[in-house]
Structure formats: structure tokens, C-alpha cells
Protein backbone atom coordinates (compact mmCIF):
# COMPACT_ATOMS: atom_id res chain seq x y z
CA UNK A 1 104.32 96.71 135.77
CA UNK A 2 101.26 96.89 134.21
CA UNK A 3 97.67 98.08 136.29
CA UNK A 4 94.17 97.23 135.48
CA UNK A 5 91.47 99.68 134.53
CA UNK A 6 89.55 99.41 137.69
CA UNK A 7 93.38 100.13 139.54
CA UNK A 8 93.44 103.60 137.99
CA UNK A 9 89.76 105.16 138.98
CA UNK A 10 91.23 106.72 142.03
CA UNK A 11 88.07 109.67 141.83
CA UNK A 12 84.37 109.07 141.12
CA UNK A 13 83.85 110.71 137.78
CA UNK A 14 80.66 112.11 138.62
CA UNK A 15 81.63 113.90 141.57
CA UNK A 16 85.17 113.84 142.11
CA UNK A 17 85.24 112.44 145.47
CA UNK A 18 88.06 110.06 146.41
CA UNK A 19 87.43 106.64 145.91
CA UNK A 20 87.23 104.25 148.82
CA UNK A 21 88.28 101.33 147.45
CA UNK A 22 90.36 101.50 144.48
CA UNK A 23 90.25 98.48 141.86
CA UNK A 24 87.37 96.74 142.99
CA UNK A 25 85.09 95.80 140.09
CA UNK A 26 82.28 97.86 139.87
CA UNK A 27 83.62 101.16 140.73
CA UNK A 28 80.89 103.02 143.78
CA UNK A 29 81.24 106.14 144.70
CA UNK A 30 79.58 106.52 148.04
CA UNK A 31 79.19 109.86 147.82
CA UNK A 32 76.78 110.38 144.86
CA UNK A 33 75.99 106.51 144.48
CA UNK A 34 78.00 106.26 141.35
CA UNK A 35 78.53 102.59 140.32
CA UNK A 36 81.01 101.74 137.03
CA UNK A 37 81.28 98.22 135.85
CA UNK A 38 84.60 97.68 134.45
CA UNK A 39 83.11 94.94 131.38
CA UNK A 40 85.09 94.63 128.54
CA UNK A 41 85.61 96.21 125.40
CA UNK A 42 85.06 94.27 122.42
CA UNK A 43 86.63 93.08 119.53
CA UNK A 44 86.76 91.21 116.21
CA UNK A 45 88.63 88.44 114.30
CA UNK A 46 88.59 87.18 110.72
CA UNK A 47 89.49 83.80 109.55
CA UNK A 48 89.65 84.36 106.15
CA UNK A 49 91.01 80.96 103.79
CA UNK A 50 92.28 80.65 100.35
CA UNK A 51 91.39 78.22 97.42
CA UNK A 52 93.38 75.13 99.25
CA UNK A 53 92.45 76.45 102.88
CA UNK A 54 95.64 77.92 103.97
CA UNK A 55 94.58 80.61 106.92
CA UNK A 56 95.85 84.24 106.60
CA UNK A 57 98.58 85.80 109.38
CA UNK A 58 99.53 88.42 110.11
CA UNK A 59 102.53 89.71 111.46
CA UNK A 60 101.93 92.85 113.95
CA UNK A 61 103.56 95.96 112.96
CA UNK A 62 103.33 97.20 116.64
CA UNK A 63 102.80 96.49 120.25
CA UNK A 64 100.98 94.06 121.97
CA UNK A 65 102.57 92.17 120.25
CA UNK A 66 104.63 93.20 117.67
CA UNK A 67 106.50 90.91 115.42
CA UNK A 68 103.56 88.05 116.26
CA UNK A 69 100.72 86.34 114.55
CA UNK A 70 97.97 87.18 114.56
CA UNK A 71 94.69 87.23 112.47
CA UNK A 72 92.97 90.87 110.95
CA UNK A 73 90.12 92.12 113.01
CA UNK A 74 90.39 94.83 115.25
CA UNK A 75 87.95 96.52 118.57
CA UNK A 76 84.38 97.28 117.61
CA UNK A 77 83.62 100.75 117.70
CA UNK A 78 80.69 102.70 119.47
CA UNK A 79 77.30 102.00 117.35
CA UNK A 80 78.78 99.58 115.12
CA UNK A 81 77.85 96.25 115.57
CA UNK A 82 80.61 93.32 115.55
CA UNK A 83 79.55 92.56 111.50
CA UNK A 84 80.60 96.00 110.23
CA UNK A 85 83.85 96.09 112.88
CA UNK A 86 84.67 93.04 111.04
CA UNK A 87 83.78 94.19 107.37
CA UNK A 88 85.91 97.00 108.46
CA UNK A 89 88.90 95.93 110.31
CA UNK A 90 89.23 93.70 107.29
CA UNK A 91 89.60 96.35 104.56
CA UNK A 92 91.74 98.45 106.56
CA UNK A 93 93.68 96.02 107.60
CA UNK A 94 94.67 94.19 104.47
CA UNK A 95 92.28 95.29 102.35
CA UNK A 96 89.79 92.85 101.23
CA UNK A 97 86.33 92.93 101.22
CA UNK A 98 84.10 90.88 103.25
CA UNK A 99 80.77 89.02 101.77
CA UNK A 100 80.23 86.35 103.82
CA UNK A 101 81.36 85.65 107.65
CA UNK A 102 79.79 82.39 109.70
CA UNK A 103 80.44 83.58 113.47
CA UNK A 104 83.25 81.05 115.03
CA UNK A 105 83.32 81.65 118.48
CA UNK A 106 84.37 84.55 121.42
CA UNK A 107 86.66 84.35 123.50
CA UNK A 108 88.01 86.44 126.29
CA UNK A 109 91.11 88.38 125.64
CA UNK A 110 93.53 90.75 127.66
CA UNK A 111 95.11 94.38 125.71
CA UNK A 112 97.52 95.65 127.47
CA UNK A 113 97.57 99.37 126.02
CA UNK A 114 100.73 101.56 127.50
CA UNK A 115 100.74 100.15 130.77
CA UNK A 116 96.89 99.49 131.60
CA UNK A 117 95.19 96.53 130.89
CA UNK A 118 91.82 96.75 129.65
CA UNK A 119 89.46 93.87 129.33
CA UNK A 120 88.19 92.16 125.63
CA UNK A 121 86.24 90.01 124.67
CA UNK A 122 86.90 88.91 121.30
CA UNK A 123 84.13 87.79 118.90
CA UNK A 124 85.86 85.52 116.19
CA UNK A 125 84.23 84.76 112.35
CA UNK A 126 84.92 82.53 109.26
CA UNK A 127 84.87 85.27 105.79
CA UNK A 128 84.58 84.82 102.92
CA UNK A 129 85.97 87.24 101.04
CA UNK A 130 85.47 88.76 97.20
CA UNK A 131 88.92 87.92 95.74
CA UNK A 132 92.31 87.99 97.48
CA UNK A 133 94.33 89.41 94.61
CA UNK A 134 93.69 92.93 96.12
CA UNK A 135 95.79 91.61 99.37
CA UNK A 136 97.49 94.18 100.66
CA UNK A 137 99.09 94.87 104.12
CA UNK A 138 98.37 98.51 105.66
CA UNK A 139 101.58 99.35 106.27
CA UNK A 140 101.26 101.31 109.24
CA UNK A 141 99.60 97.82 111.15
CA UNK A 142 100.65 95.17 109.16
CA UNK A 143 104.57 93.81 109.17
CA UNK A 144 103.59 90.91 106.82
CA UNK A 145 101.38 89.18 105.38
CA UNK A 146 101.58 84.68 105.12
CA UNK A 147 99.28 82.23 104.08
CA UNK A 148 99.36 78.91 105.77
CA UNK A 149 98.19 75.86 106.64
CA UNK A 150 98.49 76.53 111.08
CA UNK A 151 100.89 74.91 112.82
CA UNK A 152 101.92 74.54 116.35
CA UNK A 153 104.46 76.71 115.34
CA UNK A 154 101.96 79.23 114.06
CA UNK A 155 99.41 78.84 116.64
CA UNK A 156 102.69 79.01 119.57
CA UNK A 157 103.75 82.21 118.19
CA UNK A 158 100.04 83.87 118.05
CA UNK A 159 100.21 87.82 119.89
CA UNK A 160 96.75 87.02 121.86
CA UNK A 161 96.17 83.62 123.60
CA UNK A 162 92.63 84.19 122.44
CA UNK A 163 93.38 84.32 118.55
CA UNK A 164 95.62 80.87 119.45
CA UNK A 165 91.84 79.55 120.76
CA UNK A 166 89.74 80.54 117.95
CA UNK A 167 92.18 79.31 115.19
CA UNK A 168 92.10 75.87 117.37
CA UNK A 169 88.70 75.55 117.28
CA UNK A 170 88.07 76.66 113.58
CA UNK A 171 90.63 73.45 112.59
CA UNK A 172 88.63 70.95 115.01
CA UNK A 173 85.51 71.96 113.35
CA UNK A 174 87.06 71.92 109.63
CA UNK A 175 88.02 68.14 110.94
CA UNK A 176 84.65 67.34 112.11
């Protein structure tokens, strides 16, 4: 069973009063008037291609989506812009240096972490790297790497719907 983040706020984080309307967004405490909006966390994803136009996929080494396909990327840290987060995540996950990126699209997502569903906005970029010769998977996060021209087989095996939507947008833009 998964629980939405708003559902676990049973007490006010400021004054500890019991919540009168658990699960409501925004959370509002009637005692101290504290209000908290359960807005999305931000994550980034990279679409990297080789010289033949094949897309880099990674096979996830852990849940959520263990064993399914994903794109290099991850969560944006506090105080970090999406471009810096993308550069950091691509380097951490697949050892590639992003030298240029173009915004592609953003999509809503949900991330289930230990039974709690977090709302996420995923921001996708088409990335150019300085060299693919140094490509190497981060063993704790990535089970394997794959370059291919995406088909329904890959699109239907994505760990996150937002990744599939971004790839579909990328492929549509490439045809134009």
C-alpha cells in the first residue's frame, strides 16, 4: 500500500497540534495558522544520443523500477538549478560530461519511496557530451547501459511514465 505525502502529516510541524483534516492540500493548522503546500519535488532527465542517433538508456539497479529502463538523471538538490543538477547527475550515473543541453519538456511524475508517494515534476533536456569513450555505469544505481533507437519495446519498459513521454516528444521532434 502506498500513502500520499499529505496523508502522513497528522500533526503540525510548528506547534504539534493534531491535524483536523489529514490528507488535505494544503496542510493547515487551525491552532497556529501554519500552512504548507504539498508541491512537487523537481527531478531532471537527460536524453543523450550517440553519433548514429541511438538513445542512451540505463537499466535501474534499485527501486522504484528496479530492472526497468530509465534515462540518466535524478533529483535537484536544494539551492541547485536544473541545469547544474542534470550535469551532476549525468556525471554521477554514467560518467559523462555534459557540454551543452536544450530544454525538451517537463512532465508530472510520482515517486514511491518506501511506501510514500511523492509528487515530482521531471524536467528533460537533450544533452550533448564531450565524449562517450568514458561512459561507465555507477554500479550502485545502474545495472546496465544500452544504446538503441527506441521502439515500443523500450518505451513500454520504462520505469517512469514521464521518461516515456519525454522520449516520445524527443522522437516526434526528431521527425519534424
